[in-house]
Amino acid sequence: MITIYHNNRCSKSREGVCFLEDAKTEFEIVNYLEKSPKKREIKSLLKKLKFKPIELVRQKEAIWIENYKDKNLCDDEIIEAMIKFPILIERPIIVNGNKAIIARPTEKILEIL
């Protein structure tokens, strides 16, 4: 089962949902802004993405710039920031089994279908 970590206010995230619908692929939507992911869930995503925590952060978000940009944070502190402020999580994340990608551009979804 495909999972998309989705923010409806994000055009790239909406494009990801449309892409999956057009591909006639069954998928589950996780509205991660409504229910912030737990630490183990973020760590699992990082492993599937093969990312370090900082690579999953939207570093141009005002919350990041105002609160974290100039700090020397360890990986756990970065993960805690994403839990506290899920808007900081890059999107859309598409998961298929033990693989995940950031669907930017949207066509990257083909890599894991």
C-alpha atoms as a PDB file:
ATOM      1  CA  MET A   1       0.000   0.000   0.000  1.00  0.00           C
ATOM      2  CA  ILE A   2       1.270   3.433  -0.990  1.00  0.00           C
ATOM      3  CA  THR A   3       1.157   6.202   1.619  1.00  0.00           C
ATOM      4  CA  ILE A   4       1.403   9.926   0.931  1.00  0.00           C
ATOM      5  CA  TYR A   5       2.271  12.389   3.695  1.00  0.00           C
ATOM      6  CA  HIS A   6       0.101  15.223   2.524  1.00  0.00           C
ATOM      7  CA  ASN A   7      -0.494  18.915   3.198  1.00  0.00           C
ATOM      8  CA  ASN A   8      -3.595  20.035   1.312  1.00  0.00           C
ATOM      9  CA  ARG A   9      -2.373  23.649   1.263  1.00  0.00           C
ATOM     10  CA  CYS A  10       0.734  22.636  -0.707  1.00  0.00           C
ATOM     11  CA  SER A  11       0.367  22.561  -4.493  1.00  0.00           C
ATOM     12  CA  LYS A  12       3.118  19.910  -4.880  1.00  0.00           C
ATOM     13  CA  SER A  13       1.353  17.727  -2.335  1.00  0.00           C
ATOM     14  CA  ARG A  14      -1.988  18.110  -4.153  1.00  0.00           C
ATOM     15  CA  GLU A  15      -0.217  17.247  -7.418  1.00  0.00           C
ATOM     16  CA  GLY A  16       1.107  14.089  -5.752  1.00  0.00           C
ATOM     17  CA  VAL A  17      -2.409  13.007  -4.773  1.00  0.00           C
ATOM     18  CA  CYS A  18      -3.679  13.668  -8.316  1.00  0.00           C
ATOM     19  CA  PHE A  19      -0.741  11.734  -9.787  1.00  0.00           C
ATOM     20  CA  LEU A  20      -1.563   8.701  -7.625  1.00  0.00           C
ATOM     21  CA  GLU A  21      -5.262   8.952  -8.491  1.00  0.00           C
ATOM     22  CA  ASP A  22      -4.462   9.198 -12.217  1.00  0.00           C
ATOM     23  CA  ALA A  23      -2.171   6.167 -11.922  1.00  0.00           C
ATOM     24  CA  LYS A  24      -5.146   4.232 -10.491  1.00  0.00           C
ATOM     25  CA  THR A  25      -2.991   3.367  -7.485  1.00  0.00           C
ATOM     26  CA  GLU A  26      -4.526   2.563  -4.116  1.00  0.00           C
ATOM     27  CA  PHE A  27      -3.063   4.835  -1.484  1.00  0.00           C
ATOM     28  CA  GLU A  28      -3.557   6.166   2.002  1.00  0.00           C
ATOM     29  CA  ILE A  29      -3.309   9.857   2.864  1.00  0.00           C
ATOM     30  CA  VAL A  30      -1.596  10.914   6.083  1.00  0.00           C
ATOM     31  CA  ASN A  31      -2.530  14.491   6.936  1.00  0.00           C
ATOM     32  CA  TYR A  32       0.560  14.993   9.059  1.00  0.00           C
ATOM     33  CA  LEU A  33      -0.300  18.593   9.975  1.00  0.00           C
ATOM     34  CA  GLU A  34      -3.473  17.414  11.717  1.00  0.00           C
ATOM     35  CA  LYS A  35      -1.732  14.650  13.653  1.00  0.00           C
ATOM     36  CA  SER A  36       1.984  15.212  14.050  1.00  0.00           C
ATOM     37  CA  PRO A  37       4.082  12.102  13.396  1.00  0.00           C
ATOM     38  CA  LYS A  38       5.718  10.439  16.391  1.00  0.00           C
ATOM     39  CA  LYS A  39       9.488  10.229  16.732  1.00  0.00           C
ATOM     40  CA  ARG A  40       9.646   6.583  15.629  1.00  0.00           C
ATOM     41  CA  GLU A  41       7.553   7.408  12.537  1.00  0.00           C
ATOM     42  CA  ILE A  42       9.910  10.221  11.507  1.00  0.00           C
ATOM     43  CA  LYS A  43      12.926   7.973  12.124  1.00  0.00           C
ATOM     44  CA  SER A  44      11.311   5.293   9.960  1.00  0.00           C
ATOM     45  CA  LEU A  45      10.696   7.831   7.165  1.00  0.00           C
ATOM     46  CA  LEU A  46      14.292   9.029   7.394  1.00  0.00           C
ATOM     47  CA  LYS A  47      15.552   5.466   7.062  1.00  0.00           C
ATOM     48  CA  LYS A  48      13.320   4.798   4.034  1.00  0.00           C
ATOM     49  CA  LEU A  49      14.362   8.089   2.432  1.00  0.00           C
ATOM     50  CA  LYS A  50      18.029   7.503   3.338  1.00  0.00           C
ATOM     51  CA  PHE A  51      18.068  11.072   4.697  1.00  0.00           C
ATOM     52  CA  LYS A  52      19.683  12.747   7.651  1.00  0.00           C
ATOM     53  CA  PRO A  53      17.072  14.658   9.708  1.00  0.00           C
ATOM     54  CA  ILE A  54      18.169  18.056   8.386  1.00  0.00           C
ATOM     55  CA  GLU A  55      17.480  16.875   4.822  1.00  0.00           C
ATOM     56  CA  LEU A  56      13.783  16.426   5.691  1.00  0.00           C
ATOM     57  CA  VAL A  57      13.436  19.965   7.052  1.00  0.00           C
ATOM     58  CA  ARG A  58      11.937  22.802   5.017  1.00  0.00           C
ATOM     59  CA  GLN A  59      14.709  25.220   5.932  1.00  0.00           C
ATOM     60  CA  LYS A  60      13.046  28.239   4.306  1.00  0.00           C
ATOM     61  CA  GLU A  61       9.987  28.037   6.589  1.00  0.00           C
ATOM     62  CA  ALA A  62       9.692  31.060   8.890  1.00  0.00           C
ATOM     63  CA  ILE A  63       9.459  28.802  11.959  1.00  0.00           C
ATOM     64  CA  TRP A  64      12.830  27.231  11.097  1.00  0.00           C
ATOM     65  CA  ILE A  65      14.507  30.561  10.343  1.00  0.00           C
ATOM     66  CA  GLU A  66      13.176  32.230  13.497  1.00  0.00           C
ATOM     67  CA  ASN A  67      13.781  29.375  15.934  1.00  0.00           C
ATOM     68  CA  TYR A  68      16.450  26.992  14.653  1.00  0.00           C
ATOM     69  CA  LYS A  69      18.497  28.285  11.697  1.00  0.00           C
ATOM     70  CA  ASP A  70      21.590  29.468  13.545  1.00  0.00           C
ATOM     71  CA  LYS A  71      21.637  26.749  16.191  1.00  0.00           C
ATOM     72  CA  ASN A  72      23.927  23.735  16.157  1.00  0.00           C
ATOM     73  CA  LEU A  73      21.279  21.013  16.588  1.00  0.00           C
ATOM     74  CA  CYS A  74      21.841  17.288  16.932  1.00  0.00           C
ATOM     75  CA  ASP A  75      19.689  14.865  14.926  1.00  0.00           C
ATOM     76  CA  ASP A  76      17.285  14.245  17.829  1.00  0.00           C
ATOM     77  CA  GLU A  77      16.751  17.985  18.320  1.00  0.00           C
ATOM     78  CA  ILE A  78      15.952  18.372  14.614  1.00  0.00           C
ATOM     79  CA  ILE A  79      13.460  15.499  14.832  1.00  0.00           C
ATOM     80  CA  GLU A  80      11.887  17.100  17.926  1.00  0.00           C
ATOM     81  CA  ALA A  81      11.499  20.362  15.971  1.00  0.00           C
ATOM     82  CA  MET A  82       9.642  18.474  13.209  1.00  0.00           C
ATOM     83  CA  ILE A  83       7.375  16.844  15.796  1.00  0.00           C
ATOM     84  CA  LYS A  84       6.621  20.192  17.444  1.00  0.00           C
ATOM     85  CA  PHE A  85       6.199  21.995  14.102  1.00  0.00           C
ATOM     86  CA  PRO A  86       5.171  19.430  11.438  1.00  0.00           C
ATOM     87  CA  ILE A  87       4.979  22.241   8.862  1.00  0.00           C
ATOM     88  CA  LEU A  88       8.780  21.902   8.815  1.00  0.00           C
ATOM     89  CA  ILE A  89       8.563  18.442   7.222  1.00  0.00           C
ATOM     90  CA  GLU A  90       9.344  18.390   3.507  1.00  0.00           C
ATOM     91  CA  ARG A  91       6.464  17.257   1.319  1.00  0.00           C
ATOM     92  CA  PRO A  92       4.966  15.320  -0.226  1.00  0.00           C
ATOM     93  CA  ILE A  93       6.545  12.118   1.035  1.00  0.00           C
ATOM     94  CA  ILE A  94       5.475   8.986  -0.827  1.00  0.00           C
ATOM     95  CA  VAL A  95       6.094   5.634   0.869  1.00  0.00           C
ATOM     96  CA  ASN A  96       5.903   2.193  -0.724  1.00  0.00           C
ATOM     97  CA  GLY A  97       7.017  -0.596   1.603  1.00  0.00           C
ATOM     98  CA  ASN A  98      10.562   0.086   2.734  1.00  0.00           C
ATOM     99  CA  LYS A  99      11.187   2.866   0.188  1.00  0.00           C
ATOM    100  CA  ALA A 100      10.210   6.520   0.237  1.00  0.00           C
ATOM    101  CA  ILE A 101      10.791   9.601  -1.878  1.00  0.00           C
ATOM    102  CA  ILE A 102      10.070  13.306  -1.751  1.00  0.00           C
ATOM    103  CA  ALA A 103       7.846  13.783  -4.813  1.00  0.00           C
ATOM    104  CA  ARG A 104       9.545  16.890  -6.205  1.00  0.00           C
ATOM    105  CA  PRO A 105       9.075  16.841  -9.112  1.00  0.00           C
ATOM    106  CA  THR A 106       5.867  14.827  -9.029  1.00  0.00           C
ATOM    107  CA  GLU A 107       7.145  12.365 -11.638  1.00  0.00           C
ATOM    108  CA  LYS A 108       9.590  10.985  -9.038  1.00  0.00           C
ATOM    109  CA  ILE A 109       6.608   8.980  -7.753  1.00  0.00           C
ATOM    110  CA  LEU A 110       7.206   6.596 -10.682  1.00  0.00           C
ATOM    111  CA  GLU A 111      10.470   5.538  -9.005  1.00  0.00           C
ATOM    112  CA  ILE A 112       8.629   3.693  -6.239  1.00  0.00           C
ATOM    113  CA  LEU A 113       5.351   2.564  -7.804  1.00  0.00           C
END
